[in-house]
């Protein structure tokens, strides 16, 4: 397409210097023809891009992902490493990893399934260009380069960070101990909720025993 645009510019330059009417007419017709052909080619190219995008979007709609919920992670001063054990051995061509500022999207094709690990709310920003991955057999290792080196991550996502921020805001507003405990319970998972209930029950029993003991002593 660049060649056609250069041809049009060349014809225009010659047309500007042409003097004979017949030559001007020929050049003018050539210019119109070149412009029409260029326009048609651009329209055809845009139509093809649109068609390819529609095909891609349609194919994505048909994909049913199997979420990856089991993984391990650790961190160093510069990287957060994510370890995924896959159901079977795969090749690099079966893996697609996309990094965003605060997003990790890993897709792995295994037989008729596409497994996916999507974290759209990473704990902190990462450097996409410095983040890497490798697969060996059935082990997938993803290394996220920290956007801010030496900054500790409380988790792979930002859930714990947000919980801590909300809890701190409540405390700063002068919330009571009961209100803080209620907030902790509300945002905790099922296992932690059970632990909080048990701790509260034990505390209540101890307080009742202390009151009973004081009454007996008096």
N, C-alpha and C. Protein backbone atom coordinates (compact mmCIF):
# COMPACT_ATOMS: atom_id res chain seq x y z
N UNK A 1 0.82 -1.20 0.00
CA UNK A 1 0.00 0.00 0.00
C UNK A 1 0.86 1.27 0.00
N UNK A 2 2.02 1.17 0.56
CA UNK A 2 2.93 2.32 0.58
C UNK A 2 3.36 2.69 -0.84
N UNK A 3 3.55 1.67 -1.70
CA UNK A 3 3.96 1.93 -3.08
C UNK A 3 2.88 2.71 -3.83
N UNK A 4 1.61 2.35 -3.61
CA UNK A 4 0.52 3.06 -4.28
C UNK A 4 0.46 4.52 -3.84
N UNK A 5 0.69 4.76 -2.54
CA UNK A 5 0.66 6.13 -2.03
C UNK A 5 1.82 6.95 -2.63
N UNK A 6 2.96 6.30 -2.80
CA UNK A 6 4.10 6.99 -3.40
C UNK A 6 3.83 7.30 -4.88
N UNK A 7 3.14 6.38 -5.57
CA UNK A 7 2.78 6.61 -6.97
C UNK A 7 1.87 7.83 -7.09
N UNK A 8 0.91 7.94 -6.17
CA UNK A 8 -0.02 9.07 -6.20
C UNK A 8 0.72 10.38 -5.98
N UNK A 9 1.64 10.39 -5.05
CA UNK A 9 2.43 11.60 -4.79
C UNK A 9 3.26 11.99 -6.02
N UNK A 10 3.81 10.99 -6.68
CA UNK A 10 4.62 11.24 -7.87
C UNK A 10 3.77 11.82 -9.00
N UNK A 11 2.58 11.24 -9.21
CA UNK A 11 1.68 11.76 -10.25
C UNK A 11 1.30 13.21 -9.97
N UNK A 12 1.03 13.51 -8.68
CA UNK A 12 0.68 14.88 -8.32
C UNK A 12 1.81 15.86 -8.64
N UNK A 13 3.02 15.45 -8.35
CA UNK A 13 4.17 16.33 -8.63
C UNK A 13 4.31 16.61 -10.13
N UNK A 14 4.14 15.54 -10.93
CA UNK A 14 4.26 15.71 -12.39
C UNK A 14 3.11 16.57 -12.91
N UNK A 15 1.90 16.35 -12.34
CA UNK A 15 0.73 17.12 -12.78
C UNK A 15 0.91 18.61 -12.51
N UNK A 16 1.57 18.94 -11.40
CA UNK A 16 1.80 20.35 -11.06
C UNK A 16 2.70 21.06 -12.07
N UNK A 17 3.58 20.29 -12.71
CA UNK A 17 4.53 20.90 -13.66
C UNK A 17 4.10 20.75 -15.12
N UNK A 18 3.07 19.93 -15.35
CA UNK A 18 2.61 19.70 -16.73
C UNK A 18 1.97 20.96 -17.29
N UNK A 19 2.15 21.19 -18.59
CA UNK A 19 1.60 22.39 -19.24
C UNK A 19 0.58 22.04 -20.33
N UNK A 20 0.81 20.97 -21.08
CA UNK A 20 -0.09 20.64 -22.18
C UNK A 20 -1.40 20.06 -21.65
N UNK A 21 -2.56 20.54 -22.14
CA UNK A 21 -3.88 20.09 -21.67
C UNK A 21 -4.06 18.58 -21.77
N UNK A 22 -3.60 18.01 -22.90
CA UNK A 22 -3.77 16.57 -23.09
C UNK A 22 -3.02 15.78 -22.02
N UNK A 23 -1.79 16.22 -21.75
CA UNK A 23 -0.98 15.56 -20.72
C UNK A 23 -1.63 15.70 -19.35
N UNK A 24 -2.15 16.90 -19.09
CA UNK A 24 -2.83 17.14 -17.80
C UNK A 24 -4.02 16.21 -17.64
N UNK A 25 -4.77 16.03 -18.76
CA UNK A 25 -5.94 15.16 -18.70
C UNK A 25 -5.54 13.72 -18.40
N UNK A 26 -4.49 13.25 -19.10
CA UNK A 26 -4.01 11.89 -18.88
C UNK A 26 -3.55 11.69 -17.43
N UNK A 27 -2.79 12.67 -16.94
CA UNK A 27 -2.29 12.57 -15.57
C UNK A 27 -3.43 12.64 -14.56
N UNK A 28 -4.41 13.50 -14.85
CA UNK A 28 -5.56 13.63 -13.95
C UNK A 28 -6.34 12.33 -13.86
N UNK A 29 -6.55 11.69 -15.02
CA UNK A 29 -7.26 10.41 -15.05
C UNK A 29 -6.46 9.33 -14.32
N UNK A 30 -5.15 9.34 -14.51
CA UNK A 30 -4.29 8.36 -13.83
C UNK A 30 -4.34 8.56 -12.32
N UNK A 31 -4.38 9.84 -11.90
CA UNK A 31 -4.43 10.15 -10.47
C UNK A 31 -5.73 9.64 -9.86
N UNK A 32 -6.85 9.88 -10.56
CA UNK A 32 -8.15 9.42 -10.05
C UNK A 32 -8.20 7.91 -9.96
N UNK A 33 -7.65 7.26 -10.99
CA UNK A 33 -7.64 5.79 -10.99
C UNK A 33 -6.81 5.24 -9.84
N UNK A 34 -5.63 5.82 -9.61
CA UNK A 34 -4.76 5.38 -8.53
C UNK A 34 -5.41 5.60 -7.17
N UNK A 35 -6.08 6.76 -7.01
CA UNK A 35 -6.74 7.08 -5.75
C UNK A 35 -7.90 6.12 -5.48
N UNK A 36 -8.65 5.80 -6.54
CA UNK A 36 -9.78 4.87 -6.40
C UNK A 36 -9.29 3.48 -6.02
N UNK A 37 -8.23 3.02 -6.68
CA UNK A 37 -7.68 1.70 -6.38
C UNK A 37 -7.14 1.63 -4.96
N UNK A 38 -6.49 2.71 -4.51
CA UNK A 38 -5.96 2.75 -3.15
C UNK A 38 -7.10 2.71 -2.13
N UNK A 39 -8.14 3.46 -2.39
CA UNK A 39 -9.29 3.50 -1.48
C UNK A 39 -9.94 2.12 -1.39
N UNK A 40 -10.11 1.46 -2.55
CA UNK A 40 -10.73 0.14 -2.57
C UNK A 40 -9.88 -0.88 -1.82
N UNK A 41 -8.57 -0.76 -1.98
CA UNK A 41 -7.68 -1.69 -1.30
C UNK A 41 -7.73 -1.49 0.22
N UNK A 42 -7.78 -0.21 0.65
CA UNK A 42 -7.87 0.07 2.09
C UNK A 42 -9.18 -0.46 2.65
N UNK A 43 -10.28 -0.26 1.90
CA UNK A 43 -11.58 -0.74 2.36
C UNK A 43 -11.60 -2.26 2.47
N UNK A 44 -10.96 -2.91 1.50
CA UNK A 44 -10.89 -4.37 1.50
C UNK A 44 -10.06 -4.87 2.68
N UNK A 45 -8.97 -4.15 2.95
CA UNK A 45 -8.10 -4.53 4.06
C UNK A 45 -8.82 -4.35 5.40
N UNK A 46 -9.54 -3.24 5.54
CA UNK A 46 -10.29 -2.99 6.78
C UNK A 46 -11.39 -4.03 6.96
N UNK A 47 -12.05 -4.39 5.86
CA UNK A 47 -13.11 -5.39 5.93
C UNK A 47 -12.55 -6.74 6.37
N UNK A 48 -11.35 -7.08 5.88
CA UNK A 48 -10.72 -8.34 6.26
C UNK A 48 -10.32 -8.33 7.74
N UNK A 49 -9.80 -7.19 8.21
CA UNK A 49 -9.46 -7.07 9.63
C UNK A 49 -10.70 -7.25 10.51
N UNK A 50 -11.79 -6.63 10.08
CA UNK A 50 -13.05 -6.72 10.83
C UNK A 50 -13.55 -8.16 10.85
N UNK A 51 -13.44 -8.85 9.70
CA UNK A 51 -13.89 -10.23 9.61
C UNK A 51 -13.05 -11.13 10.53
N UNK A 52 -11.73 -10.92 10.54
CA UNK A 52 -10.85 -11.72 11.38
C UNK A 52 -11.14 -11.49 12.86
N UNK A 53 -11.43 -10.23 13.21
CA UNK A 53 -11.75 -9.91 14.60
C UNK A 53 -13.06 -10.58 15.01
N UNK A 54 -14.05 -10.55 14.13
CA UNK A 54 -15.33 -11.19 14.43
C UNK A 54 -15.17 -12.69 14.61
N UNK A 55 -14.32 -13.30 13.75
CA UNK A 55 -14.06 -14.73 13.86
C UNK A 55 -13.39 -15.05 15.19
N UNK A 56 -12.42 -14.20 15.57
CA UNK A 56 -11.69 -14.40 16.83
C UNK A 56 -12.62 -14.27 18.03
N UNK A 57 -13.47 -13.24 18.01
CA UNK A 57 -14.40 -13.03 19.12
C UNK A 57 -15.40 -14.18 19.21
N UNK A 58 -15.84 -14.64 18.06
CA UNK A 58 -16.81 -15.73 18.03
C UNK A 58 -16.18 -17.01 18.58
N UNK A 59 -14.92 -17.25 18.22
CA UNK A 59 -14.24 -18.45 18.71
C UNK A 59 -14.01 -18.38 20.21
N UNK A 60 -13.75 -17.17 20.72
CA UNK A 60 -13.55 -17.00 22.16
C UNK A 60 -14.83 -17.27 22.94
N UNK A 61 -15.97 -16.91 22.33
CA UNK A 61 -17.25 -17.15 22.99
C UNK A 61 -17.51 -18.63 23.19
N UNK A 62 -17.01 -19.45 22.25
CA UNK A 62 -17.28 -20.87 22.29
C UNK A 62 -16.37 -21.61 23.26
N UNK A 63 -15.28 -20.95 23.69
CA UNK A 63 -14.33 -21.61 24.58
C UNK A 63 -14.86 -21.64 26.02
N UNK A 64 -14.90 -22.82 26.59
CA UNK A 64 -15.27 -22.95 28.00
C UNK A 64 -14.00 -23.27 28.77
N UNK A 65 -13.63 -22.37 29.67
CA UNK A 65 -12.38 -22.54 30.40
C UNK A 65 -12.59 -23.37 31.67
N UNK A 66 -11.60 -24.18 31.96
CA UNK A 66 -11.57 -24.90 33.23
C UNK A 66 -10.65 -24.12 34.16
N UNK A 67 -11.21 -23.49 35.20
CA UNK A 67 -10.38 -22.64 36.05
C UNK A 67 -9.35 -23.42 36.85
N UNK A 68 -8.17 -22.83 36.97
CA UNK A 68 -7.10 -23.40 37.81
C UNK A 68 -7.22 -22.75 39.19
N UNK A 69 -7.56 -23.55 40.17
CA UNK A 69 -7.76 -23.03 41.53
C UNK A 69 -6.66 -23.45 42.49
N UNK A 70 -5.85 -24.40 42.05
CA UNK A 70 -4.78 -24.90 42.93
C UNK A 70 -3.42 -24.50 42.35
N UNK A 71 -2.68 -23.74 43.13
CA UNK A 71 -1.34 -23.32 42.73
C UNK A 71 -0.57 -22.88 43.98
N UNK A 72 0.72 -22.76 43.84
CA UNK A 72 1.56 -22.29 44.94
C UNK A 72 2.30 -21.04 44.47
N UNK A 73 2.73 -20.23 45.42
CA UNK A 73 3.47 -19.04 45.05
C UNK A 73 4.44 -18.65 46.17
N UNK A 74 5.50 -17.98 45.79
CA UNK A 74 6.42 -17.40 46.77
C UNK A 74 7.00 -16.14 46.15
N UNK A 75 7.85 -15.47 46.89
CA UNK A 75 8.38 -14.21 46.40
C UNK A 75 9.81 -13.98 46.86
N UNK A 76 10.53 -13.21 46.04
CA UNK A 76 11.86 -12.73 46.40
C UNK A 76 11.75 -11.21 46.41
N UNK A 77 12.87 -10.53 46.46
CA UNK A 77 12.81 -9.07 46.47
C UNK A 77 12.38 -8.49 45.13
N UNK A 78 12.58 -9.26 44.06
CA UNK A 78 12.29 -8.73 42.72
C UNK A 78 11.20 -9.49 41.96
N UNK A 79 10.91 -10.73 42.37
CA UNK A 79 9.94 -11.53 41.62
C UNK A 79 8.90 -12.18 42.53
N UNK A 80 7.73 -12.39 41.98
CA UNK A 80 6.71 -13.25 42.58
C UNK A 80 6.59 -14.46 41.65
N UNK A 81 6.82 -15.64 42.19
CA UNK A 81 6.81 -16.85 41.37
C UNK A 81 5.53 -17.65 41.64
N UNK A 82 4.90 -18.09 40.56
CA UNK A 82 3.66 -18.88 40.66
C UNK A 82 3.94 -20.26 40.07
N UNK A 83 3.56 -21.31 40.82
CA UNK A 83 3.83 -22.68 40.40
C UNK A 83 2.51 -23.42 40.20
N UNK A 84 2.34 -23.96 39.01
CA UNK A 84 1.12 -24.70 38.67
C UNK A 84 1.50 -26.11 38.22
N UNK A 85 0.88 -27.11 38.84
CA UNK A 85 1.07 -28.49 38.41
C UNK A 85 -0.11 -28.87 37.52
N UNK A 86 0.18 -29.18 36.26
CA UNK A 86 -0.86 -29.47 35.28
C UNK A 86 -1.23 -30.95 35.29
N UNK A 87 -2.41 -31.29 34.75
CA UNK A 87 -2.86 -32.69 34.76
C UNK A 87 -1.95 -33.63 33.96
N UNK A 88 -1.26 -33.09 32.96
CA UNK A 88 -0.36 -33.92 32.16
C UNK A 88 0.69 -33.04 31.52
N UNK A 89 1.67 -33.64 30.89
CA UNK A 89 2.75 -32.90 30.25
C UNK A 89 2.23 -32.11 29.05
N UNK A 90 2.78 -30.91 28.87
CA UNK A 90 2.40 -30.07 27.74
C UNK A 90 3.66 -29.47 27.11
N UNK A 91 3.48 -28.93 25.92
CA UNK A 91 4.56 -28.24 25.23
C UNK A 91 4.33 -26.73 25.31
N UNK A 92 5.35 -25.97 25.01
CA UNK A 92 5.25 -24.50 25.07
C UNK A 92 4.15 -23.97 24.15
N UNK A 93 3.94 -24.66 23.02
CA UNK A 93 2.91 -24.22 22.07
C UNK A 93 1.51 -24.34 22.64
N UNK A 94 1.35 -25.14 23.69
CA UNK A 94 0.03 -25.33 24.30
C UNK A 94 -0.26 -24.27 25.36
N UNK A 95 0.72 -23.40 25.62
CA UNK A 95 0.59 -22.42 26.70
C UNK A 95 0.55 -21.00 26.15
N UNK A 96 -0.38 -20.21 26.66
CA UNK A 96 -0.47 -18.80 26.30
C UNK A 96 -0.53 -17.98 27.59
N UNK A 97 0.45 -17.12 27.80
CA UNK A 97 0.51 -16.30 29.01
C UNK A 97 0.48 -14.83 28.61
N UNK A 98 -0.43 -14.07 29.20
CA UNK A 98 -0.51 -12.63 28.97
C UNK A 98 -0.34 -11.90 30.30
N UNK A 99 0.51 -10.87 30.28
CA UNK A 99 0.77 -10.08 31.47
C UNK A 99 0.18 -8.68 31.29
N UNK A 100 -0.46 -8.18 32.33
CA UNK A 100 -0.94 -6.80 32.35
C UNK A 100 -0.34 -6.08 33.53
N UNK A 101 -0.62 -4.81 33.67
CA UNK A 101 -0.06 -4.04 34.78
C UNK A 101 -0.36 -4.69 36.13
N UNK A 102 -1.61 -5.15 36.28
CA UNK A 102 -1.99 -5.86 37.51
C UNK A 102 -2.82 -7.09 37.15
N UNK A 103 -2.40 -7.76 36.07
CA UNK A 103 -3.18 -8.92 35.62
C UNK A 103 -2.28 -10.04 35.13
N UNK A 104 -2.68 -11.25 35.43
CA UNK A 104 -2.03 -12.45 34.93
C UNK A 104 -3.12 -13.31 34.30
N UNK A 105 -2.93 -13.69 33.05
CA UNK A 105 -3.90 -14.53 32.35
C UNK A 105 -3.14 -15.67 31.68
N UNK A 106 -3.26 -16.86 32.26
CA UNK A 106 -2.56 -18.03 31.74
C UNK A 106 -3.57 -19.04 31.21
N UNK A 107 -3.37 -19.46 29.95
CA UNK A 107 -4.26 -20.44 29.33
C UNK A 107 -3.42 -21.63 28.85
N UNK A 108 -3.86 -22.82 29.18
CA UNK A 108 -3.13 -24.03 28.81
C UNK A 108 -4.08 -25.02 28.16
N UNK A 109 -3.77 -25.42 26.94
CA UNK A 109 -4.60 -26.38 26.23
C UNK A 109 -4.11 -27.80 26.52
N UNK A 110 -5.02 -28.62 27.04
CA UNK A 110 -4.71 -30.01 27.33
C UNK A 110 -5.85 -30.87 26.79
N UNK A 111 -5.55 -31.64 25.78
CA UNK A 111 -6.56 -32.46 25.11
C UNK A 111 -7.69 -31.56 24.60
N UNK A 112 -8.90 -31.80 25.05
CA UNK A 112 -10.05 -31.00 24.59
C UNK A 112 -10.39 -29.85 25.52
N UNK A 113 -9.59 -29.66 26.57
CA UNK A 113 -9.89 -28.62 27.55
C UNK A 113 -8.87 -27.48 27.48
N UNK A 114 -9.32 -26.30 27.90
CA UNK A 114 -8.41 -25.17 28.05
C UNK A 114 -8.46 -24.73 29.51
N UNK A 115 -7.37 -24.95 30.21
CA UNK A 115 -7.28 -24.56 31.62
C UNK A 115 -6.85 -23.09 31.70
N UNK A 116 -7.36 -22.41 32.71
CA UNK A 116 -7.07 -20.98 32.80
C UNK A 116 -6.84 -20.54 34.23
N UNK A 117 -5.76 -19.77 34.42
CA UNK A 117 -5.49 -19.10 35.69
C UNK A 117 -5.57 -17.60 35.40
N UNK A 118 -6.64 -16.98 35.86
CA UNK A 118 -6.85 -15.55 35.61
C UNK A 118 -6.86 -14.81 36.94
N UNK A 119 -5.90 -13.90 37.09
CA UNK A 119 -5.86 -13.03 38.27
C UNK A 119 -5.86 -11.60 37.74
N UNK A 120 -7.02 -10.97 37.79
CA UNK A 120 -7.16 -9.63 37.22
C UNK A 120 -6.93 -8.52 38.25
N UNK A 121 -6.60 -8.93 39.47
CA UNK A 121 -6.36 -7.96 40.54
C UNK A 121 -5.12 -8.37 41.34
N UNK A 122 -3.98 -8.39 40.65
CA UNK A 122 -2.74 -8.74 41.34
C UNK A 122 -2.52 -7.82 42.53
N UNK A 123 -1.82 -8.32 43.52
CA UNK A 123 -1.62 -7.56 44.76
C UNK A 123 -1.00 -6.18 44.50
N UNK A 124 -0.02 -6.14 43.60
CA UNK A 124 0.64 -4.87 43.26
C UNK A 124 1.00 -4.89 41.77
N UNK A 125 1.30 -3.75 41.18
CA UNK A 125 1.69 -3.69 39.76
C UNK A 125 2.95 -4.50 39.48
N UNK A 126 3.05 -4.98 38.24
CA UNK A 126 4.23 -5.72 37.81
C UNK A 126 4.84 -5.07 36.57
N UNK A 127 6.07 -5.46 36.26
CA UNK A 127 6.72 -5.04 35.03
C UNK A 127 6.47 -6.13 33.99
N UNK A 128 5.62 -5.84 33.02
CA UNK A 128 5.23 -6.87 32.05
C UNK A 128 6.42 -7.36 31.22
N UNK A 129 7.30 -6.44 30.84
CA UNK A 129 8.43 -6.83 29.98
C UNK A 129 9.42 -7.73 30.71
N UNK A 130 9.51 -7.58 32.01
CA UNK A 130 10.46 -8.40 32.77
C UNK A 130 9.87 -9.69 33.30
N UNK A 131 8.55 -9.89 33.08
CA UNK A 131 7.89 -11.10 33.57
C UNK A 131 8.04 -12.23 32.54
N UNK A 132 8.26 -13.45 33.03
CA UNK A 132 8.52 -14.58 32.13
C UNK A 132 7.77 -15.83 32.60
N UNK A 133 7.84 -16.86 31.81
CA UNK A 133 7.27 -18.15 32.19
C UNK A 133 8.01 -19.26 31.46
N UNK A 134 7.91 -20.47 32.01
CA UNK A 134 8.46 -21.64 31.34
C UNK A 134 7.67 -22.87 31.77
N UNK A 135 7.57 -23.81 30.87
CA UNK A 135 6.88 -25.05 31.18
C UNK A 135 7.84 -26.21 30.95
N UNK A 136 7.84 -27.14 31.88
CA UNK A 136 8.70 -28.32 31.78
C UNK A 136 7.87 -29.51 32.22
N UNK A 137 7.55 -30.35 31.25
CA UNK A 137 6.69 -31.49 31.57
C UNK A 137 5.31 -31.02 31.96
N UNK A 138 4.91 -31.34 33.17
CA UNK A 138 3.59 -30.91 33.67
C UNK A 138 3.71 -29.77 34.67
N UNK A 139 4.88 -29.15 34.75
CA UNK A 139 5.10 -28.05 35.69
C UNK A 139 5.21 -26.71 34.96
N UNK A 140 4.37 -25.78 35.35
CA UNK A 140 4.39 -24.43 34.78
C UNK A 140 4.85 -23.44 35.85
N UNK A 141 5.88 -22.68 35.53
CA UNK A 141 6.40 -21.67 36.45
C UNK A 141 6.26 -20.30 35.81
N UNK A 142 5.62 -19.40 36.52
CA UNK A 142 5.41 -18.03 36.03
C UNK A 142 6.13 -17.08 36.98
N UNK A 143 6.95 -16.21 36.43
CA UNK A 143 7.71 -15.26 37.26
C UNK A 143 7.23 -13.85 36.94
N UNK A 144 6.58 -13.22 37.92
CA UNK A 144 6.09 -11.85 37.78
C UNK A 144 7.13 -10.90 38.36
N UNK A 145 7.62 -9.99 37.54
CA UNK A 145 8.62 -9.04 38.03
C UNK A 145 7.91 -7.90 38.76
N UNK A 146 8.29 -7.70 40.00
CA UNK A 146 7.65 -6.68 40.82
C UNK A 146 7.84 -5.28 40.23
N UNK A 147 6.77 -4.51 40.22
CA UNK A 147 6.89 -3.13 39.77
C UNK A 147 7.68 -2.30 40.76
N UNK A 148 7.58 -2.69 42.01
CA UNK A 148 8.32 -2.01 43.08
C UNK A 148 9.15 -3.05 43.83
N UNK A 149 10.43 -3.18 43.51
CA UNK A 149 11.27 -4.19 44.16
C UNK A 149 11.26 -4.04 45.69
N UNK A 150 11.43 -5.17 46.36
CA UNK A 150 11.50 -5.25 47.83
C UNK A 150 10.15 -5.04 48.52
N UNK A 151 9.09 -4.75 47.75
CA UNK A 151 7.77 -4.57 48.35
C UNK A 151 7.14 -5.94 48.55
N UNK A 152 6.74 -6.25 49.78
CA UNK A 152 6.15 -7.55 50.09
C UNK A 152 4.71 -7.63 49.58
N UNK A 153 4.37 -8.79 49.05
CA UNK A 153 2.99 -9.07 48.63
C UNK A 153 2.33 -9.90 49.71
N UNK A 154 1.11 -9.55 50.09
CA UNK A 154 0.38 -10.32 51.10
C UNK A 154 -0.31 -11.53 50.48
N UNK A 155 -0.42 -11.54 49.17
CA UNK A 155 -1.04 -12.65 48.45
C UNK A 155 -0.82 -12.43 46.97
N UNK A 156 -1.28 -13.37 46.16
CA UNK A 156 -1.15 -13.19 44.72
C UNK A 156 -2.10 -12.10 44.23
N UNK A 157 -3.30 -12.06 44.83
CA UNK A 157 -4.24 -10.99 44.49
C UNK A 157 -4.28 -9.97 45.62
N UNK A 158 -5.15 -8.96 45.47
CA UNK A 158 -5.15 -7.85 46.43
C UNK A 158 -6.23 -7.98 47.51
N UNK A 159 -6.82 -9.16 47.65
CA UNK A 159 -7.93 -9.31 48.61
C UNK A 159 -7.49 -8.99 50.04
N UNK A 160 -6.35 -9.56 50.45
CA UNK A 160 -5.89 -9.32 51.82
C UNK A 160 -5.50 -7.87 52.03
N UNK A 161 -4.91 -7.24 51.00
CA UNK A 161 -4.55 -5.82 51.09
C UNK A 161 -5.79 -4.96 51.31
N UNK A 162 -6.85 -5.25 50.56
CA UNK A 162 -8.09 -4.49 50.68
C UNK A 162 -8.74 -4.70 52.04
N UNK A 163 -8.71 -5.94 52.52
CA UNK A 163 -9.26 -6.23 53.84
C UNK A 163 -8.54 -5.43 54.91
N UNK A 164 -7.21 -5.43 54.84
CA UNK A 164 -6.41 -4.70 55.83
C UNK A 164 -6.68 -3.21 55.77
N UNK A 165 -6.85 -2.68 54.55
CA UNK A 165 -7.13 -1.25 54.38
C UNK A 165 -8.47 -0.88 55.00
N UNK A 166 -9.49 -1.71 54.74
CA UNK A 166 -10.82 -1.43 55.29
C UNK A 166 -10.83 -1.56 56.81
N UNK A 167 -10.12 -2.57 57.33
CA UNK A 167 -10.05 -2.77 58.77
C UNK A 167 -9.35 -1.57 59.44
N UNK A 168 -8.28 -1.09 58.82
CA UNK A 168 -7.55 0.05 59.36
C UNK A 168 -8.41 1.30 59.36
N UNK A 169 -9.20 1.47 58.28
CA UNK A 169 -10.07 2.65 58.18
C UNK A 169 -11.13 2.63 59.27
N UNK A 170 -11.67 1.44 59.56
CA UNK A 170 -12.66 1.32 60.62
C UNK A 170 -12.06 1.65 61.98
N UNK A 171 -10.85 1.15 62.20
CA UNK A 171 -10.17 1.40 63.48
C UNK A 171 -9.89 2.89 63.67
N UNK A 172 -9.48 3.55 62.58
CA UNK A 172 -9.17 4.98 62.66
C UNK A 172 -10.42 5.82 62.89
N UNK A 173 -11.58 5.29 62.48
CA UNK A 173 -12.84 6.00 62.69
C UNK A 173 -13.38 5.78 64.10
N UNK A 174 -12.67 4.96 64.88
CA UNK A 174 -13.09 4.73 66.26
C UNK A 174 -14.07 3.59 66.43
N UNK A 175 -14.04 2.61 65.52
CA UNK A 175 -14.96 1.48 65.62
C UNK A 175 -14.66 0.68 66.89
N UNK A 176 -15.72 0.10 67.47
CA UNK A 176 -15.54 -0.69 68.68
C UNK A 176 -14.91 -2.03 68.34
N UNK A 177 -14.48 -2.74 69.40
CA UNK A 177 -13.88 -4.06 69.19
C UNK A 177 -14.88 -5.00 68.53
N UNK A 178 -16.13 -4.93 68.94
CA UNK A 178 -17.16 -5.78 68.36
C UNK A 178 -17.35 -5.48 66.88
N UNK A 179 -17.35 -4.20 66.52
CA UNK A 179 -17.50 -3.82 65.11
C UNK A 179 -16.32 -4.31 64.28
N UNK A 180 -15.13 -4.24 64.84
CA UNK A 180 -13.95 -4.74 64.13
C UNK A 180 -14.01 -6.25 63.94
N UNK A 181 -14.47 -6.95 64.97
CA UNK A 181 -14.61 -8.40 64.86
C UNK A 181 -15.67 -8.78 63.84
N UNK A 182 -16.78 -8.03 63.83
CA UNK A 182 -17.84 -8.29 62.86
C UNK A 182 -17.34 -8.08 61.42
N UNK A 183 -16.51 -7.06 61.25
CA UNK A 183 -15.95 -6.81 59.92
C UNK A 183 -15.00 -7.93 59.50
N UNK A 184 -14.17 -8.38 60.45
CA UNK A 184 -13.26 -9.49 60.17
C UNK A 184 -14.03 -10.74 59.78
N UNK A 185 -15.13 -11.00 60.51
CA UNK A 185 -15.94 -12.19 60.24
C UNK A 185 -16.60 -12.10 58.86
N UNK A 186 -17.09 -10.93 58.53
CA UNK A 186 -17.78 -10.71 57.26
C UNK A 186 -16.87 -10.97 56.06
N UNK A 187 -15.60 -10.59 56.19
CA UNK A 187 -14.68 -10.69 55.06
C UNK A 187 -13.84 -11.97 55.07
N UNK A 188 -14.02 -12.80 56.10
CA UNK A 188 -13.21 -14.02 56.21
C UNK A 188 -13.81 -15.16 55.39
N UNK A 189 -12.96 -16.15 55.08
CA UNK A 189 -13.47 -17.35 54.41
C UNK A 189 -14.13 -18.25 55.45
N UNK A 190 -14.72 -19.34 54.98
CA UNK A 190 -15.51 -20.21 55.87
C UNK A 190 -14.67 -20.76 57.02
N UNK A 191 -13.44 -21.19 56.72
CA UNK A 191 -12.58 -21.76 57.76
C UNK A 191 -12.23 -20.73 58.82
N UNK A 192 -11.89 -19.51 58.35
CA UNK A 192 -11.53 -18.45 59.30
C UNK A 192 -12.74 -18.02 60.10
N UNK A 193 -13.92 -17.98 59.48
CA UNK A 193 -15.13 -17.63 60.20
C UNK A 193 -15.38 -18.62 61.35
N UNK A 194 -15.16 -19.92 61.09
CA UNK A 194 -15.34 -20.92 62.13
C UNK A 194 -14.36 -20.70 63.27
N UNK A 195 -13.10 -20.35 62.94
CA UNK A 195 -12.09 -20.10 63.97
C UNK A 195 -12.47 -18.88 64.81
N UNK A 196 -13.00 -17.83 64.15
CA UNK A 196 -13.42 -16.63 64.88
C UNK A 196 -14.57 -16.92 65.82
N UNK A 197 -15.52 -17.75 65.36
CA UNK A 197 -16.65 -18.12 66.21
C UNK A 197 -16.19 -18.90 67.44
N UNK A 198 -15.25 -19.82 67.20
CA UNK A 198 -14.73 -20.61 68.32
C UNK A 198 -13.97 -19.74 69.31
N UNK A 199 -13.18 -18.78 68.78
CA UNK A 199 -12.43 -17.88 69.65
C UNK A 199 -13.39 -16.99 70.44
N UNK A 200 -14.45 -16.53 69.79
CA UNK A 200 -15.43 -15.67 70.47
C UNK A 200 -16.15 -16.45 71.56
N UNK A 201 -16.50 -17.71 71.26
CA UNK A 201 -17.20 -18.54 72.24
C UNK A 201 -16.32 -18.80 73.46
N UNK A 202 -15.04 -19.09 73.21
CA UNK A 202 -14.11 -19.32 74.32
C UNK A 202 -13.95 -18.06 75.15
N UNK A 203 -13.88 -16.92 74.47
CA UNK A 203 -13.74 -15.66 75.19
C UNK A 203 -14.97 -15.36 76.03
N UNK A 204 -16.14 -15.65 75.46
CA UNK A 204 -17.39 -15.42 76.20
C UNK A 204 -17.46 -16.33 77.43
N UNK A 205 -17.05 -17.60 77.28
CA UNK A 205 -17.05 -18.53 78.42
C UNK A 205 -16.10 -18.05 79.51
N UNK A 206 -14.94 -17.56 79.09
CA UNK A 206 -13.95 -17.09 80.07
C UNK A 206 -14.45 -15.86 80.81
N UNK A 207 -15.11 -14.97 80.07
CA UNK A 207 -15.65 -13.77 80.72
C UNK A 207 -16.74 -14.15 81.72
N UNK A 208 -17.57 -15.13 81.35
CA UNK A 208 -18.64 -15.58 82.25
C UNK A 208 -18.06 -16.23 83.49
N UNK A 209 -16.99 -17.01 83.33
CA UNK A 209 -16.34 -17.64 84.47
C UNK A 209 -15.75 -16.59 85.40
N UNK A 210 -15.16 -15.54 84.84
CA UNK A 210 -14.57 -14.47 85.66
C UNK A 210 -15.65 -13.74 86.45
N UNK A 211 -16.81 -13.50 85.81
CA UNK A 211 -17.90 -12.82 86.51
C UNK A 211 -18.44 -13.68 87.64
N UNK A 212 -18.57 -14.99 87.38
CA UNK A 212 -19.06 -15.91 88.40
C UNK A 212 -18.09 -15.98 89.59
N UNK A 213 -16.80 -16.00 89.27
CA UNK A 213 -15.78 -16.07 90.32
C UNK A 213 -15.81 -14.82 91.18
N UNK A 214 -15.98 -13.65 90.56
CA UNK A 214 -16.02 -12.40 91.32
C UNK A 214 -17.22 -12.34 92.23
N UNK A 215 -18.37 -12.86 91.76
CA UNK A 215 -19.57 -12.89 92.58
C UNK A 215 -19.39 -13.77 93.81
N UNK A 216 -18.72 -14.92 93.58
CA UNK A 216 -18.49 -15.85 94.70
C UNK A 216 -17.55 -15.25 95.73
N UNK A 217 -16.56 -14.53 95.25
CA UNK A 217 -15.58 -13.92 96.16
C UNK A 217 -16.20 -12.78 96.95
N UNK A 218 -17.17 -12.11 96.36
CA UNK A 218 -17.80 -10.99 97.07
C UNK A 218 -18.89 -11.52 98.03
